[in-house]
N, C-alpha and C. Protein backbone atom coordinates (compact mmCIF):
# COMPACT_ATOMS: atom_id res chain seq x y z
N MET A 1 -26.07 77.72 -54.79
CA MET A 1 -25.31 76.88 -53.88
C MET A 1 -23.96 76.55 -54.50
N LEU A 2 -22.91 76.68 -53.73
CA LEU A 2 -21.56 76.42 -54.21
C LEU A 2 -21.14 75.00 -53.87
N VAL A 3 -20.30 74.43 -54.71
CA VAL A 3 -19.79 73.08 -54.48
C VAL A 3 -18.32 73.03 -54.91
N ILE A 4 -17.54 72.26 -54.18
CA ILE A 4 -16.14 72.01 -54.53
C ILE A 4 -16.12 70.66 -55.22
N ARG A 5 -15.68 70.65 -56.49
CA ARG A 5 -15.75 69.42 -57.26
C ARG A 5 -14.66 69.37 -58.33
N PHE A 6 -14.64 68.26 -59.08
CA PHE A 6 -13.67 68.08 -60.16
C PHE A 6 -14.17 68.71 -61.45
N THR A 7 -13.23 69.18 -62.25
CA THR A 7 -13.47 69.49 -63.64
C THR A 7 -12.40 68.76 -64.43
N ARG A 8 -12.76 68.17 -65.53
CA ARG A 8 -11.85 67.29 -66.25
C ARG A 8 -11.01 68.06 -67.25
N THR A 9 -9.72 67.70 -67.32
CA THR A 9 -8.80 68.22 -68.32
C THR A 9 -8.01 67.04 -68.87
N GLY A 10 -7.06 67.32 -69.73
CA GLY A 10 -6.27 66.24 -70.31
C GLY A 10 -6.94 65.63 -71.51
N ARG A 11 -6.25 64.74 -72.16
CA ARG A 11 -6.83 64.12 -73.35
C ARG A 11 -7.27 62.69 -73.04
N ARG A 12 -7.86 62.06 -74.03
CA ARG A 12 -8.39 60.71 -73.86
C ARG A 12 -7.28 59.76 -73.42
N GLY A 13 -7.54 59.02 -72.36
CA GLY A 13 -6.55 58.08 -71.86
C GLY A 13 -5.57 58.70 -70.87
N GLU A 14 -5.55 60.00 -70.77
CA GLU A 14 -4.68 60.70 -69.82
C GLU A 14 -5.53 61.68 -69.02
N ARG A 15 -6.41 61.16 -68.22
CA ARG A 15 -7.34 62.01 -67.48
C ARG A 15 -6.61 62.77 -66.38
N LYS A 16 -6.91 64.03 -66.29
CA LYS A 16 -6.43 64.88 -65.21
C LYS A 16 -7.61 65.71 -64.76
N TYR A 17 -7.64 66.04 -63.50
CA TYR A 17 -8.76 66.78 -62.96
C TYR A 17 -8.28 67.99 -62.18
N ARG A 18 -9.00 69.08 -62.30
CA ARG A 18 -8.77 70.25 -61.47
C ARG A 18 -9.82 70.25 -60.37
N ILE A 19 -9.43 70.69 -59.20
CA ILE A 19 -10.37 70.83 -58.10
C ILE A 19 -10.77 72.29 -58.07
N VAL A 20 -12.07 72.55 -58.25
CA VAL A 20 -12.55 73.92 -58.41
C VAL A 20 -13.79 74.17 -57.56
N VAL A 21 -14.11 75.45 -57.40
CA VAL A 21 -15.35 75.89 -56.76
C VAL A 21 -16.26 76.43 -57.85
N LYS A 22 -17.49 75.97 -57.88
CA LYS A 22 -18.45 76.44 -58.89
C LYS A 22 -19.86 76.28 -58.38
N GLU A 23 -20.79 76.83 -59.14
CA GLU A 23 -22.20 76.68 -58.81
C GLU A 23 -22.62 75.23 -59.01
N LYS A 24 -23.49 74.76 -58.15
CA LYS A 24 -23.94 73.36 -58.17
C LYS A 24 -24.56 72.96 -59.51
N ARG A 25 -25.31 73.86 -60.14
CA ARG A 25 -26.05 73.52 -61.37
C ARG A 25 -25.27 73.78 -62.65
N SER A 26 -24.03 74.24 -62.55
CA SER A 26 -23.26 74.53 -63.77
C SER A 26 -22.71 73.24 -64.37
N LYS A 27 -22.29 73.32 -65.61
CA LYS A 27 -21.74 72.17 -66.32
C LYS A 27 -20.43 71.72 -65.67
N ARG A 28 -20.09 70.46 -65.85
CA ARG A 28 -18.86 69.91 -65.26
C ARG A 28 -17.63 70.69 -65.69
N ASP A 29 -17.53 71.02 -66.96
CA ASP A 29 -16.34 71.71 -67.46
C ASP A 29 -16.60 73.19 -67.73
N GLY A 30 -17.63 73.73 -67.11
CA GLY A 30 -17.94 75.15 -67.27
C GLY A 30 -16.99 76.03 -66.47
N LYS A 31 -17.27 77.33 -66.48
CA LYS A 31 -16.41 78.29 -65.81
C LYS A 31 -16.48 78.11 -64.29
N ALA A 32 -15.30 78.16 -63.66
CA ALA A 32 -15.20 77.99 -62.21
C ALA A 32 -14.95 79.32 -61.53
N LEU A 33 -15.33 79.41 -60.27
CA LEU A 33 -15.08 80.62 -59.49
C LEU A 33 -13.64 80.69 -58.99
N ASP A 34 -13.08 79.54 -58.60
CA ASP A 34 -11.72 79.51 -58.06
C ASP A 34 -11.11 78.14 -58.30
N PHE A 35 -9.80 78.11 -58.48
CA PHE A 35 -9.03 76.90 -58.71
C PHE A 35 -8.34 76.53 -57.40
N LEU A 36 -8.57 75.32 -56.90
CA LEU A 36 -8.05 74.92 -55.59
C LEU A 36 -6.91 73.92 -55.66
N GLY A 37 -6.74 73.24 -56.78
CA GLY A 37 -5.67 72.25 -56.89
C GLY A 37 -5.93 71.34 -58.07
N TRP A 38 -5.20 70.21 -58.09
CA TRP A 38 -5.36 69.26 -59.18
C TRP A 38 -5.19 67.84 -58.66
N TYR A 39 -5.62 66.86 -59.47
CA TYR A 39 -5.60 65.45 -59.10
C TYR A 39 -5.37 64.65 -60.37
N GLU A 40 -4.47 63.68 -60.27
CA GLU A 40 -4.17 62.83 -61.42
C GLU A 40 -3.94 61.40 -60.94
N LYS A 41 -4.66 60.47 -61.55
CA LYS A 41 -4.50 59.06 -61.21
C LYS A 41 -3.89 58.36 -62.42
N THR A 42 -2.71 57.75 -62.22
CA THR A 42 -2.03 57.05 -63.30
C THR A 42 -1.79 55.61 -62.91
N ALA A 43 -1.18 54.86 -63.80
CA ALA A 43 -0.87 53.46 -63.52
C ALA A 43 0.15 53.33 -62.39
N THR A 44 0.99 54.33 -62.24
CA THR A 44 2.03 54.28 -61.21
C THR A 44 1.56 54.79 -59.86
N GLY A 45 0.41 55.44 -59.81
CA GLY A 45 -0.11 55.93 -58.54
C GLY A 45 -0.93 57.19 -58.70
N VAL A 46 -1.19 57.82 -57.57
CA VAL A 46 -2.02 59.03 -57.53
C VAL A 46 -1.14 60.22 -57.19
N THR A 47 -1.33 61.30 -57.94
CA THR A 47 -0.65 62.55 -57.67
C THR A 47 -1.71 63.61 -57.45
N LYS A 48 -1.54 64.37 -56.36
CA LYS A 48 -2.52 65.42 -56.11
C LYS A 48 -1.84 66.57 -55.39
N GLU A 49 -2.42 67.74 -55.58
CA GLU A 49 -1.97 68.94 -54.88
C GLU A 49 -3.21 69.78 -54.60
N VAL A 50 -3.44 70.06 -53.33
CA VAL A 50 -4.64 70.79 -52.93
C VAL A 50 -4.24 71.91 -51.98
N ASN A 51 -4.74 73.10 -52.23
CA ASN A 51 -4.52 74.23 -51.35
C ASN A 51 -5.60 74.19 -50.27
N MET A 52 -5.25 73.62 -49.10
CA MET A 52 -6.24 73.41 -48.04
C MET A 52 -6.73 74.73 -47.44
N ASP A 53 -5.91 75.78 -47.49
CA ASP A 53 -6.36 77.08 -46.99
C ASP A 53 -7.54 77.59 -47.80
N LYS A 54 -7.46 77.43 -49.13
CA LYS A 54 -8.57 77.87 -49.98
C LYS A 54 -9.80 76.99 -49.78
N VAL A 55 -9.59 75.68 -49.56
CA VAL A 55 -10.72 74.78 -49.31
C VAL A 55 -11.46 75.22 -48.06
N LYS A 56 -10.73 75.50 -46.98
CA LYS A 56 -11.35 75.95 -45.74
C LYS A 56 -12.05 77.30 -45.93
N TYR A 57 -11.43 78.20 -46.69
CA TYR A 57 -12.02 79.51 -46.97
C TYR A 57 -13.39 79.35 -47.63
N TRP A 58 -13.46 78.51 -48.67
CA TRP A 58 -14.73 78.34 -49.38
C TRP A 58 -15.75 77.57 -48.56
N GLN A 59 -15.30 76.63 -47.72
CA GLN A 59 -16.24 75.91 -46.86
C GLN A 59 -16.87 76.85 -45.84
N GLU A 60 -16.10 77.81 -45.35
CA GLU A 60 -16.65 78.80 -44.42
C GLU A 60 -17.72 79.66 -45.08
N ARG A 61 -17.65 79.81 -46.38
CA ARG A 61 -18.62 80.60 -47.12
C ARG A 61 -19.76 79.75 -47.68
N GLY A 62 -19.87 78.50 -47.25
CA GLY A 62 -21.02 77.67 -47.59
C GLY A 62 -20.81 76.66 -48.69
N ALA A 63 -19.61 76.52 -49.23
CA ALA A 63 -19.37 75.55 -50.30
C ALA A 63 -19.38 74.13 -49.73
N GLN A 64 -20.06 73.23 -50.41
CA GLN A 64 -20.13 71.83 -50.01
C GLN A 64 -19.10 71.02 -50.79
N LEU A 65 -18.59 69.94 -50.21
CA LEU A 65 -17.67 69.04 -50.90
C LEU A 65 -18.46 67.98 -51.65
N SER A 66 -18.08 67.69 -52.88
CA SER A 66 -18.71 66.60 -53.61
C SER A 66 -18.23 65.27 -53.01
N PRO A 67 -18.96 64.17 -53.22
CA PRO A 67 -18.54 62.88 -52.66
C PRO A 67 -17.14 62.45 -53.14
N ALA A 68 -16.80 62.75 -54.39
CA ALA A 68 -15.48 62.38 -54.91
C ALA A 68 -14.37 63.16 -54.22
N ILE A 69 -14.61 64.43 -53.95
CA ILE A 69 -13.62 65.26 -53.27
C ILE A 69 -13.47 64.82 -51.82
N LYS A 70 -14.56 64.48 -51.17
CA LYS A 70 -14.49 63.98 -49.79
C LYS A 70 -13.60 62.73 -49.71
N ALA A 71 -13.71 61.88 -50.71
CA ALA A 71 -12.95 60.63 -50.72
C ALA A 71 -11.44 60.87 -50.82
N ILE A 72 -11.02 61.88 -51.60
CA ILE A 72 -9.58 62.09 -51.75
C ILE A 72 -8.99 62.98 -50.66
N LEU A 73 -9.82 63.76 -49.98
CA LEU A 73 -9.32 64.59 -48.88
C LEU A 73 -9.39 63.82 -47.58
């Protein structure tokens, strides 16, 4: 089963997340099938960039959105 979810990057105190497609049972920071965008929350606000065409493509192929991804989209 495929899921669209976050994978964490950045260093301690500067969290950044990539939005990726991966197998449901794989590790959070394991290898992803496709990179869909990124998300960063800072003290000054939220910055995000998401390729919605790729999100729709993967949803048509059965990928589910994680609760965190649903909240930001």
